[in-house]
Amino acid sequence: MKYIVAALITISFLSCKNEPKTNSEEKKVEQTEVLQAGKDSLIYPEEKHFKAIRQVTFGGDNAEAYWSFDDKQLVFQSNNANWDVGCDQMFLMNANETFTDSIAPPMLSTGKGRTTCAYFLPDNKHIIYASTHLKQDECPDTPLRKNGKYIWPIYDSYDIFVADLEGNIVKQLTNEVGYDAEPTVSPKGDKIVFTSTRSGDLELYTMNIDGSDVKQITNELGYDGGAFFSPDGTKLIFRSSRPKTERDIKEYKDLLAEGLVEPTEMELYICNADGSDLRQLTDLGNANWSPFFHPSGEKVLFSSNFEAERGFPFNLYLIDLDGKNLERVTHGETFDAFPVFSNDGKHLAFSSNRNNGGGRDTNLFIAEWQD
């Protein structure tokens, strides 16, 4: 879910089409120039975990880039108007590619409705993603504030689909009434975790790759979402905004009844893949979210604004599974989030406002990681 790219930091967040073949030579030239001009200048001096870095996109809001199991490709969402989309759609890229406004990657979603949270399946030939296209062709409205507070819409028209790399939907995995979205796949290749309102609250569920054997993982009041499996598939890390006071509980329930949530206070939680041994990992305040396991399985990389006084910046932090040894990884003044390690642990894809000329664009970056 990418709404936070635009508003949380207060700086604002067709059929399948193929990349124009006539631009292949132009693309090679532009990519080479980008790599030579921007590689190491994009790394701030304190960012010791980045050995090298390159910028992948140059316009719009681009986020949630997830690697194929063989690390050769990524799927990500973008609302770049120059790519002929009105709101977030899913795009495919090779791991070494770079795109500009004039060169769009292949679109894997239908181009209808709004999409979110695509993820590769183990065969590297299919992806899953959530979409609202069954309800309407147009982009749904995206309210970002209510009573002066920042909110996320929870579209009850979201369902989870399987598509091939030509953009053809081959299966629908969910068809319950309400929100079904935010799916990710276990590195073991056997399970999908996702968020759903089918119980009346925003809870985590798991299912088999084919959509069978759905099991509820969390059952406490509050928004549980953005979950990822550990490298060995035995644990889940996720974000949660769990109201405690009577006032907060009422506000949460009232917003949810309208298909909305307020995500400005979230902490990270960790549990076993079956929901057992649930515990809170962070207690930092503000918004702690978009967690992803370090390749070792012993740390979690996440985005937070807990050090911010005005809602931003958001930076990336590492923390041990026992909640100790918190380490700041990025040192930007605006927005760094959605960190995702490649399966071999050598690279990190993330979204950032760096190098956008002071504008509102959120772009994808791929860094060569070093511990």
Protein backbone atom coordinates (compact mmCIF):
# COMPACT_ATOMS: atom_id res chain seq x y z
CA MET A 1 0.00 0.00 0.00
CA LYS A 2 1.70 3.12 -1.28
CA TYR A 3 -0.48 6.05 -0.18
CA ILE A 4 2.09 6.95 2.47
CA VAL A 5 4.53 7.93 -0.27
CA ALA A 6 2.53 11.02 -1.02
CA ALA A 7 0.82 12.30 2.05
CA LEU A 8 2.29 10.94 5.25
CA ILE A 9 5.38 13.07 4.80
CA THR A 10 3.22 15.96 3.54
CA ILE A 11 4.97 16.30 0.19
CA SER A 12 2.20 14.40 -1.68
CA PHE A 13 1.86 10.75 -2.71
CA LEU A 14 -5.89 -0.21 -21.17
CA SER A 15 -4.78 -3.58 -21.94
CA CYS A 16 -1.33 -4.90 -21.27
CA LYS A 17 1.17 -2.84 -23.21
CA ASN A 18 4.73 -3.68 -24.21
CA GLU A 19 7.77 -1.47 -24.23
CA PRO A 20 8.21 0.17 -27.66
CA LYS A 21 10.72 -1.90 -29.60
CA THR A 22 11.80 1.10 -31.64
CA ASN A 23 13.34 2.66 -28.53
CA SER A 24 15.69 -0.22 -27.66
CA GLU A 25 18.82 1.58 -28.77
CA GLU A 26 17.73 4.83 -27.13
CA LYS A 27 17.15 2.88 -23.92
CA LYS A 28 20.68 1.46 -23.90
CA VAL A 29 22.18 4.93 -24.28
CA GLU A 30 20.02 6.48 -21.56
CA GLN A 31 20.69 3.65 -19.12
CA THR A 32 24.44 3.90 -19.58
CA GLU A 33 24.39 7.64 -19.01
CA VAL A 34 22.30 7.30 -15.87
CA LEU A 35 24.60 4.69 -14.36
CA GLN A 36 27.75 6.68 -15.06
CA ALA A 37 26.35 10.00 -13.90
CA GLY A 38 24.45 8.96 -10.80
CA LYS A 39 25.95 5.83 -9.33
CA ASP A 40 27.80 6.88 -6.19
CA SER A 41 26.63 10.48 -5.90
CA LEU A 42 23.26 9.12 -4.76
CA ILE A 43 24.79 7.69 -1.58
CA TYR A 44 24.94 10.01 1.42
CA PRO A 45 28.25 9.92 3.33
CA GLU A 46 26.81 8.15 6.38
CA GLU A 47 25.19 5.34 4.37
CA LYS A 48 27.86 2.71 4.93
CA HIS A 49 25.65 -0.25 3.93
CA PHE A 50 25.41 0.97 0.33
CA LYS A 51 28.45 -0.01 -1.71
CA ALA A 52 26.90 1.38 -4.91
CA ILE A 53 23.49 2.63 -5.96
CA ARG A 54 21.57 3.42 -9.13
CA GLN A 55 18.29 5.13 -9.82
CA VAL A 56 15.75 3.06 -11.75
CA THR A 57 12.82 5.45 -12.39
CA PHE A 58 12.64 9.20 -12.99
CA GLY A 59 9.06 10.37 -12.47
CA GLY A 60 5.77 9.70 -10.69
CA ASP A 61 5.36 7.59 -7.56
CA ASN A 62 7.15 4.26 -7.86
CA ALA A 63 7.23 1.77 -5.03
CA GLU A 64 7.00 -1.78 -3.71
CA ALA A 65 9.53 -3.32 -6.06
CA TYR A 66 9.76 -7.06 -5.41
CA TRP A 67 12.32 -9.49 -6.81
CA SER A 68 11.65 -12.66 -8.73
CA PHE A 69 12.84 -15.80 -6.97
CA ASP A 70 15.85 -15.98 -9.34
CA ASP A 71 16.62 -12.23 -8.82
CA LYS A 72 16.52 -11.59 -12.57
CA GLN A 73 13.41 -9.38 -12.60
CA LEU A 74 11.32 -7.12 -10.40
CA VAL A 75 7.67 -6.14 -10.39
CA PHE A 76 6.66 -2.73 -9.05
CA GLN A 77 3.77 -0.27 -9.02
CA SER A 78 3.76 3.18 -10.54
CA ASN A 79 1.35 6.02 -11.29
CA ASN A 80 3.64 7.76 -13.77
CA ALA A 81 1.21 9.72 -15.95
CA ASN A 82 3.69 9.63 -18.83
CA TRP A 83 3.22 5.84 -18.89
CA ASP A 84 -0.49 6.30 -19.67
CA VAL A 85 -1.84 5.36 -16.23
CA GLY A 86 -4.14 7.35 -13.99
CA CYS A 87 -3.30 5.53 -10.77
CA ASP A 88 -1.07 2.69 -9.57
CA GLN A 89 -0.56 -0.15 -12.06
CA MET A 90 1.95 -3.01 -12.10
CA PHE A 91 5.08 -3.01 -14.25
CA LEU A 92 7.80 -5.54 -15.00
CA MET A 93 11.52 -4.83 -15.28
CA ASN A 94 14.76 -6.73 -15.63
CA ALA A 95 17.06 -6.24 -12.67
CA ASN A 96 19.61 -4.24 -14.67
CA GLU A 97 17.15 -1.88 -16.42
CA THR A 98 16.49 1.84 -15.97
CA PHE A 99 13.44 3.72 -17.23
CA THR A 100 12.62 7.31 -18.10
CA ASP A 101 9.39 9.16 -18.83
CA SER A 102 9.75 8.34 -22.52
CA ILE A 103 10.48 4.64 -22.01
CA ALA A 104 7.93 2.66 -20.02
CA PRO A 105 8.37 -0.94 -18.87
CA PRO A 106 5.76 -3.56 -19.78
CA MET A 107 2.53 -3.26 -17.79
CA LEU A 108 1.39 -6.51 -16.16
CA SER A 109 -1.91 -5.32 -14.67
CA THR A 110 -5.08 -4.68 -16.66
CA GLY A 111 -4.79 -0.89 -16.63
CA LYS A 112 -8.24 -0.78 -15.02
CA GLY A 113 -9.05 0.21 -11.45
CA ARG A 114 -6.20 0.56 -8.93
CA THR A 115 -3.63 -2.09 -8.07
CA THR A 116 -1.28 -2.67 -5.17
CA CYS A 117 1.31 -5.07 -3.78
CA ALA A 118 2.47 -7.39 -6.58
CA TYR A 119 4.78 -10.29 -5.75
CA PHE A 120 6.44 -13.02 -7.80
CA LEU A 121 5.41 -16.65 -7.48
CA PRO A 122 8.15 -19.30 -7.20
CA ASP A 123 8.02 -20.29 -10.88
CA ASN A 124 9.23 -16.78 -11.86
CA LYS A 125 6.55 -16.87 -14.57
CA HIS A 126 3.61 -15.49 -12.60
CA ILE A 127 2.85 -12.72 -10.14
CA ILE A 128 0.10 -12.07 -7.62
CA TYR A 129 -1.34 -8.62 -7.00
CA ALA A 130 -4.44 -6.92 -5.62
CA SER A 131 -6.76 -4.96 -7.90
CA THR A 132 -10.11 -3.16 -7.86
CA HIS A 133 -10.76 -3.66 -11.59
CA LEU A 134 -13.71 -6.02 -11.13
CA LYS A 135 -15.74 -3.20 -9.61
CA GLN A 136 -14.88 -0.37 -11.98
CA ASP A 137 -12.58 0.49 -14.85
CA GLU A 138 -11.79 3.94 -13.46
CA CYS A 139 -9.36 4.75 -10.67
CA PRO A 140 -11.23 4.86 -7.34
CA ASP A 141 -11.16 8.06 -5.33
CA THR A 142 -8.22 8.34 -2.93
CA PRO A 143 -9.14 10.38 0.13
CA LEU A 144 -6.00 11.33 2.02
CA ARG A 145 -7.42 13.42 4.87
CA LYS A 146 -10.47 13.32 7.13
CA ASN A 147 -11.09 15.84 9.91
CA GLY A 148 -7.58 17.13 9.33
CA LYS A 149 -5.96 13.71 9.84
CA TYR A 150 -4.05 11.63 7.30
CA ILE A 151 -5.90 8.45 6.24
CA TRP A 152 -5.62 5.46 3.93
CA PRO A 153 -8.62 4.16 1.97
CA ILE A 154 -9.29 0.43 2.42
CA TYR A 155 -11.11 -0.44 -0.80
CA ASP A 156 -13.58 -3.29 -0.32
CA SER A 157 -13.25 -3.95 -4.07
CA TYR A 158 -9.67 -5.22 -3.74
CA ASP A 159 -9.18 -8.90 -4.55
CA ILE A 160 -6.02 -10.89 -5.19
CA PHE A 161 -5.23 -12.24 -8.66
CA VAL A 162 -2.58 -14.32 -10.40
CA ALA A 163 -1.22 -13.04 -13.72
CA ASP A 164 1.41 -14.28 -16.14
CA LEU A 165 4.25 -12.08 -17.39
CA GLU A 166 2.22 -11.15 -20.46
CA GLY A 167 -0.35 -9.46 -18.24
CA ASN A 168 -3.03 -12.15 -18.56
CA ILE A 169 -5.00 -12.90 -15.39
CA VAL A 170 -5.02 -16.67 -14.99
CA LYS A 171 -6.69 -17.02 -11.59
CA GLN A 172 -8.56 -15.12 -8.88
CA LEU A 173 -7.38 -16.17 -5.41
CA THR A 174 -9.89 -14.28 -3.23
CA ASN A 175 -13.57 -13.48 -3.67
CA GLU A 176 -14.73 -12.65 -0.14
CA VAL A 177 -16.70 -9.48 0.55
CA GLY A 178 -14.35 -6.72 1.68
CA TYR A 179 -10.69 -5.82 1.44
CA ASP A 180 -8.24 -8.55 0.34
CA ALA A 181 -4.81 -7.14 -0.49
CA GLU A 182 -1.15 -6.78 0.50
CA PRO A 183 -0.15 -10.34 -0.50
CA THR A 184 3.45 -11.55 -0.25
CA VAL A 185 4.94 -15.01 -0.79
CA SER A 186 7.06 -17.14 1.49
CA PRO A 187 10.66 -17.74 0.30
CA LYS A 188 9.82 -21.45 0.73
CA GLY A 189 7.29 -20.97 -2.08
CA ASP A 190 4.42 -22.65 -0.26
CA LYS A 191 2.38 -19.88 1.38
CA ILE A 192 0.93 -16.41 0.77
CA VAL A 193 0.24 -13.96 3.59
CA PHE A 194 -2.28 -11.16 3.04
CA THR A 195 -4.51 -8.66 4.85
CA SER A 196 -8.29 -8.98 4.83
CA THR A 197 -11.39 -7.47 6.45
CA ARG A 198 -13.41 -10.70 6.11
CA SER A 199 -13.62 -10.97 9.93
CA GLY A 200 -14.77 -7.36 10.29
CA ASP A 201 -11.29 -6.11 11.18
CA LEU A 202 -8.00 -5.76 9.30
CA GLU A 203 -6.27 -9.05 10.10
CA LEU A 204 -3.52 -11.20 8.61
CA TYR A 205 -4.30 -14.47 6.85
CA THR A 206 -2.25 -17.13 5.10
CA MET A 207 -3.22 -19.40 2.22
CA ASN A 208 -1.54 -21.91 -0.03
CA ILE A 209 -0.12 -20.72 -3.34
CA ASP A 210 -3.29 -21.93 -5.09
CA GLY A 211 -5.57 -20.02 -2.70
CA SER A 212 -6.62 -23.03 -0.62
CA ASP A 213 -6.37 -23.59 3.15
CA VAL A 214 -7.01 -20.00 4.28
CA LYS A 215 -6.10 -19.46 7.93
CA GLN A 216 -6.46 -16.38 10.14
CA ILE A 217 -3.14 -15.38 11.74
CA THR A 218 -3.95 -12.32 13.88
CA ASN A 219 -7.10 -11.53 15.86
CA GLU A 220 -6.54 -8.35 17.86
CA LEU A 221 -8.31 -5.07 17.08
CA GLY A 222 -6.27 -2.83 14.80
CA TYR A 223 -4.78 -2.68 11.34
CA ASP A 224 -2.40 -5.60 10.79
CA GLY A 225 -0.76 -5.39 7.37
CA GLY A 226 2.32 -5.23 5.18
CA ALA A 227 3.49 -8.68 6.29
CA PHE A 228 6.58 -10.53 5.03
CA PHE A 229 7.98 -13.98 5.73
CA SER A 230 11.44 -14.55 7.15
CA PRO A 231 14.02 -16.10 4.77
CA ASP A 232 13.29 -19.58 6.14
CA GLY A 233 9.53 -19.04 6.03
CA THR A 234 9.03 -19.65 9.75
CA LYS A 235 8.22 -16.09 10.91
CA LEU A 236 6.17 -13.06 9.88
CA ILE A 237 7.03 -9.40 10.39
CA PHE A 238 4.27 -6.80 9.96
CA ARG A 239 3.05 -3.32 10.88
CA SER A 240 0.13 -2.66 13.15
CA SER A 241 -1.82 0.30 14.50
CA ARG A 242 -3.54 -1.19 17.53
CA PRO A 243 -5.78 1.25 19.40
CA LYS A 244 -5.83 0.95 23.20
CA THR A 245 -7.90 3.78 24.69
CA GLU A 246 -11.68 4.00 24.36
CA ARG A 247 -11.32 7.11 22.23
CA ASP A 248 -8.77 5.52 19.90
CA ILE A 249 -10.84 2.35 19.61
CA LYS A 250 -13.94 4.33 18.66
CA GLU A 251 -12.03 6.40 16.10
CA TYR A 252 -10.53 3.26 14.58
CA LYS A 253 -13.89 1.50 14.31
CA ASP A 254 -15.66 4.57 12.94
CA LEU A 255 -13.03 5.04 10.22
CA LEU A 256 -12.98 1.35 9.33
CA ALA A 257 -16.76 1.42 8.89
CA GLU A 258 -16.13 4.04 6.20
CA GLY A 259 -13.37 1.98 4.59
CA LEU A 260 -10.57 4.11 6.07
CA VAL A 261 -7.65 3.77 8.47
CA GLU A 262 -5.31 6.29 10.08
CA PRO A 263 -1.74 4.93 9.79
CA THR A 264 0.25 7.65 11.55
CA GLU A 265 0.96 5.54 14.67
CA MET A 266 2.23 2.07 13.82
CA GLU A 267 4.67 -0.33 15.42
CA LEU A 268 6.22 -3.56 14.15
CA TYR A 269 5.11 -6.99 15.38
CA ILE A 270 6.62 -10.41 14.82
CA CYS A 271 5.17 -13.90 15.13
CA ASN A 272 5.57 -17.43 13.89
CA ALA A 273 4.08 -18.13 10.47
CA ASP A 274 1.07 -19.77 12.14
CA GLY A 275 0.45 -16.72 14.34
CA SER A 276 1.90 -18.16 17.53
CA ASP A 277 4.42 -16.36 19.77
CA LEU A 278 3.17 -12.94 18.70
CA ARG A 279 5.09 -10.03 20.20
CA GLN A 280 5.71 -6.34 19.61
CA LEU A 281 9.14 -5.64 18.12
CA THR A 282 9.33 -1.83 18.19
CA ASP A 283 8.07 0.79 20.61
CA LEU A 284 9.44 3.90 18.94
CA GLY A 285 6.37 6.06 18.34
CA ASN A 286 5.13 7.68 15.14
CA ALA A 287 4.96 5.43 12.05
CA ASN A 288 7.14 2.33 11.84
CA TRP A 289 6.31 0.27 8.77
CA SER A 290 7.41 -1.44 5.51
CA PRO A 291 9.55 -4.02 7.36
CA PHE A 292 11.59 -6.66 5.54
CA PHE A 293 13.85 -9.35 6.95
CA HIS A 294 17.61 -9.02 6.55
CA PRO A 295 19.00 -11.99 4.56
CA SER A 296 20.44 -13.43 7.78
CA GLY A 297 16.95 -13.71 9.25
CA GLU A 298 18.33 -12.16 12.43
CA LYS A 299 17.46 -8.51 11.75
CA VAL A 300 14.65 -6.47 10.22
CA LEU A 301 15.05 -3.45 7.94
CA PHE A 302 12.16 -0.97 8.12
CA SER A 303 11.11 2.62 7.50
CA SER A 304 10.30 5.07 10.30
CA ASN A 305 9.81 8.72 11.13
CA PHE A 306 10.22 8.22 14.89
CA GLU A 307 13.06 10.76 14.98
CA ALA A 308 11.04 13.35 13.06
CA GLU A 309 9.28 16.32 14.60
CA ARG A 310 7.14 17.28 11.58
CA GLY A 311 6.10 13.88 10.21
CA PHE A 312 9.20 13.49 8.06
CA PRO A 313 11.87 12.52 7.16
CA PHE A 314 11.36 8.79 6.87
CA ASN A 315 14.57 6.77 6.94
CA LEU A 316 15.53 3.10 6.94
CA TYR A 317 16.61 1.38 10.17
CA LEU A 318 17.90 -2.06 11.15
CA ILE A 319 16.84 -3.75 14.36
CA ASP A 320 17.58 -7.17 15.87
CA LEU A 321 14.72 -9.62 16.40
CA ASP A 322 14.93 -8.99 20.15
CA GLY A 323 14.38 -5.27 19.61
CA LYS A 324 17.98 -4.33 20.35
CA ASN A 325 20.80 -2.72 18.34
CA LEU A 326 18.70 -0.20 16.44
CA GLU A 327 20.81 1.24 13.60
CA ARG A 328 19.97 4.01 11.16
CA VAL A 329 20.76 2.95 7.58
CA THR A 330 19.73 5.90 5.38
CA HIS A 331 20.27 9.58 6.09
CA GLY A 332 17.90 11.46 3.82
CA GLU A 333 15.84 14.53 4.66
CA THR A 334 12.62 13.42 2.98
CA PHE A 335 11.53 9.81 2.35
CA ASP A 336 13.17 6.38 2.17
CA ALA A 337 10.93 3.31 2.41
CA PHE A 338 9.85 -0.05 0.96
CA PRO A 339 13.21 -1.82 1.39
CA VAL A 340 13.34 -5.28 -0.22
CA PHE A 341 16.44 -7.49 -0.30
CA SER A 342 17.18 -9.65 -3.32
CA ASN A 343 16.99 -13.37 -2.56
CA ASP A 344 20.78 -13.70 -2.73
CA GLY A 345 21.13 -10.82 -0.25
CA LYS A 346 23.43 -8.80 -2.50
CA HIS A 347 21.08 -5.97 -3.47
CA LEU A 348 18.41 -3.80 -1.90
CA ALA A 349 15.54 -2.23 -3.83
CA PHE A 350 13.84 0.73 -2.14
CA SER A 351 11.87 3.90 -2.87
CA SER A 352 13.15 7.38 -2.17
CA ASN A 353 12.63 11.08 -2.79
CA ARG A 354 16.37 11.58 -3.18
CA ASN A 355 17.59 13.15 -6.41
CA ASN A 356 14.13 14.40 -7.44
CA GLY A 357 15.11 18.07 -7.71
CA GLY A 358 13.05 18.97 -4.66
CA GLY A 359 9.82 17.82 -6.30
CA ARG A 360 7.27 15.21 -5.31
CA ASP A 361 8.48 12.23 -7.35
CA THR A 362 9.22 9.02 -5.47
CA ASN A 363 11.55 6.79 -7.46
CA LEU A 364 13.00 3.31 -7.30
CA PHE A 365 16.65 2.73 -6.43
CA ILE A 366 18.74 -0.42 -6.31
CA ALA A 367 21.73 -0.49 -4.00
CA GLU A 368 24.54 -2.98 -3.74
CA TRP A 369 24.36 -4.00 -0.08
CA GLN A 370 27.23 -4.55 2.33
CA ASP A 371 26.90 -5.50 6.02
